[in-house]
Amino acid sequence: MKKSLFTPLVAVCTLLAVITATPALAGSKRKKATPVPGYHPPIISGVTGNAITVTEGKTTRTFIITQFTEINVNGQRATIVDLKPGMTVSVTIGMDPTRASRVVATGVPAGGSQNKK
């Protein structure tokens, strides 16, 4: 009776070993991972009259600057004339998505110099 249990037990163990080892020996068929695109911070691409144009990656948006818009450049209170193309910017909007309620810009445009007040 012991002999009759031993043969099926060996067969079941061998079958389990083969089933679990087969995927490991098959090799990887994963596709190569595509590289993650780099982060591009929002940049001021244009300043005209009472509006700024901001480009982030492939998206471009224009925001209207009002008398109530708070503007900071390099940590100091500023006006729209202090905003220059090429500066990194963060724009906060309120109820109207076309009007900026706060603009925080940093950096100096490439090839330019900024005058301190």
Protein backbone atom coordinates (compact mmCIF):
# COMPACT_ATOMS: atom_id res chain seq x y z
CA MET A 1 0.00 0.00 0.00
CA LYS A 2 2.86 2.39 0.67
CA LYS A 3 4.25 1.69 -2.77
CA SER A 4 1.02 2.64 -4.51
CA LEU A 5 0.96 6.09 -2.78
CA PHE A 6 4.59 6.80 -3.52
CA THR A 7 4.30 6.66 -7.32
CA PRO A 8 1.37 9.13 -7.65
CA LEU A 9 3.01 11.45 -5.10
CA VAL A 10 6.23 11.54 -7.13
CA ALA A 11 4.24 12.15 -10.31
CA VAL A 12 2.29 15.05 -8.75
CA CYS A 13 5.48 16.64 -7.34
CA THR A 14 7.23 16.33 -10.71
CA LEU A 15 4.25 17.84 -12.51
CA LEU A 16 4.16 20.80 -10.08
CA ALA A 17 7.88 21.38 -10.52
CA VAL A 18 7.56 21.41 -14.30
CA ILE A 19 4.55 23.76 -14.26
CA THR A 20 6.24 26.29 -11.97
CA ALA A 21 9.59 26.16 -13.79
CA THR A 22 8.20 26.55 -17.33
CA PRO A 23 7.41 30.34 -17.15
CA ALA A 24 10.81 31.03 -15.62
CA LEU A 25 12.57 29.26 -18.48
CA ALA A 26 10.41 30.77 -21.22
CA GLY A 27 12.22 34.09 -21.16
CA SER A 28 10.84 37.59 -20.97
CA LYS A 29 8.51 38.79 -23.70
CA ARG A 30 8.03 42.27 -22.26
CA LYS A 31 8.14 45.22 -24.54
CA LYS A 32 10.88 47.72 -23.96
CA ALA A 33 9.76 50.53 -21.70
CA THR A 34 9.31 53.85 -23.42
CA PRO A 35 11.24 56.64 -21.75
CA VAL A 36 9.25 59.05 -19.63
CA PRO A 37 9.21 62.51 -21.20
CA GLY A 38 11.09 65.10 -19.19
CA TYR A 39 9.31 67.79 -17.21
CA HIS A 40 9.23 71.20 -18.83
CA PRO A 41 8.27 73.98 -16.40
CA PRO A 42 5.86 76.69 -17.58
CA ILE A 43 7.71 79.50 -19.36
CA ILE A 44 6.55 82.98 -20.31
CA SER A 45 6.59 82.99 -24.10
CA GLY A 46 5.16 86.46 -24.60
CA VAL A 47 4.06 89.63 -22.82
CA THR A 48 1.72 92.04 -24.60
CA GLY A 49 -0.24 94.95 -23.15
CA ASN A 50 -2.34 93.42 -20.40
CA ALA A 51 -1.75 89.70 -21.12
CA ILE A 52 0.95 87.08 -20.82
CA THR A 53 1.33 83.92 -22.87
CA VAL A 54 2.59 80.86 -21.01
CA THR A 55 3.93 77.72 -22.67
CA GLU A 56 4.15 74.40 -20.84
CA GLY A 57 5.36 71.54 -22.99
CA LYS A 58 3.17 71.67 -26.10
CA THR A 59 0.37 73.69 -24.44
CA THR A 60 0.16 77.47 -24.78
CA ARG A 61 -2.29 79.61 -22.81
CA THR A 62 -2.85 83.35 -22.60
CA PHE A 63 -3.85 84.99 -19.31
CA ILE A 64 -5.24 88.50 -18.88
CA ILE A 65 -3.54 90.63 -16.22
CA THR A 66 -5.86 93.02 -14.36
CA GLN A 67 -5.23 95.73 -11.78
CA PHE A 68 -6.06 93.13 -9.12
CA THR A 69 -3.48 90.57 -10.30
CA GLU A 70 -0.66 90.10 -7.79
CA ILE A 71 2.70 89.86 -9.59
CA ASN A 72 5.96 88.71 -7.99
CA VAL A 73 9.29 88.46 -9.82
CA ASN A 74 12.16 86.72 -8.01
CA GLY A 75 10.38 87.18 -4.67
CA GLN A 76 9.71 90.92 -5.09
CA ARG A 77 6.47 92.72 -5.91
CA ALA A 78 6.45 93.71 -9.58
CA THR A 79 4.32 94.85 -12.51
CA ILE A 80 3.59 93.37 -15.92
CA VAL A 81 6.53 95.27 -17.47
CA ASP A 82 8.88 93.26 -15.23
CA LEU A 83 7.69 89.98 -16.76
CA LYS A 84 9.96 88.89 -19.61
CA PRO A 85 9.78 86.01 -22.08
CA GLY A 86 11.90 83.08 -20.95
CA MET A 87 11.10 83.40 -17.23
CA THR A 88 9.77 80.38 -15.37
CA VAL A 89 6.26 81.17 -14.16
CA SER A 90 3.46 79.93 -11.94
CA VAL A 91 0.01 81.34 -12.68
CA THR A 92 -2.90 81.08 -10.25
CA ILE A 93 -6.36 81.61 -11.66
CA GLY A 94 -9.61 82.47 -9.92
CA MET A 95 -13.18 82.02 -11.08
CA ASP A 96 -12.40 83.10 -14.66
CA PRO A 97 -9.82 80.72 -16.21
CA THR A 98 -8.64 83.44 -18.63
CA ARG A 99 -7.68 85.93 -15.90
CA ALA A 100 -4.65 85.50 -13.67
CA SER A 101 -5.14 86.32 -10.01
CA ARG A 102 -1.47 85.75 -9.14
CA VAL A 103 1.70 85.46 -11.23
CA VAL A 104 4.98 84.32 -9.68
CA ALA A 105 7.94 84.48 -12.07
CA THR A 106 11.54 83.49 -11.44
CA GLY A 107 14.76 83.68 -13.35
CA VAL A 108 16.22 86.00 -15.89
CA PRO A 109 15.53 85.50 -19.57
CA ALA A 110 18.41 84.01 -21.53
CA GLY A 111 20.83 86.72 -22.70
CA GLY A 112 19.21 89.38 -20.52
CA SER A 113 19.88 91.06 -17.22
CA GLN A 114 17.36 92.15 -14.68
CA ASN A 115 17.57 95.50 -12.92
CA LYS A 116 16.93 95.44 -9.19
CA LYS A 117 14.69 98.10 -7.74
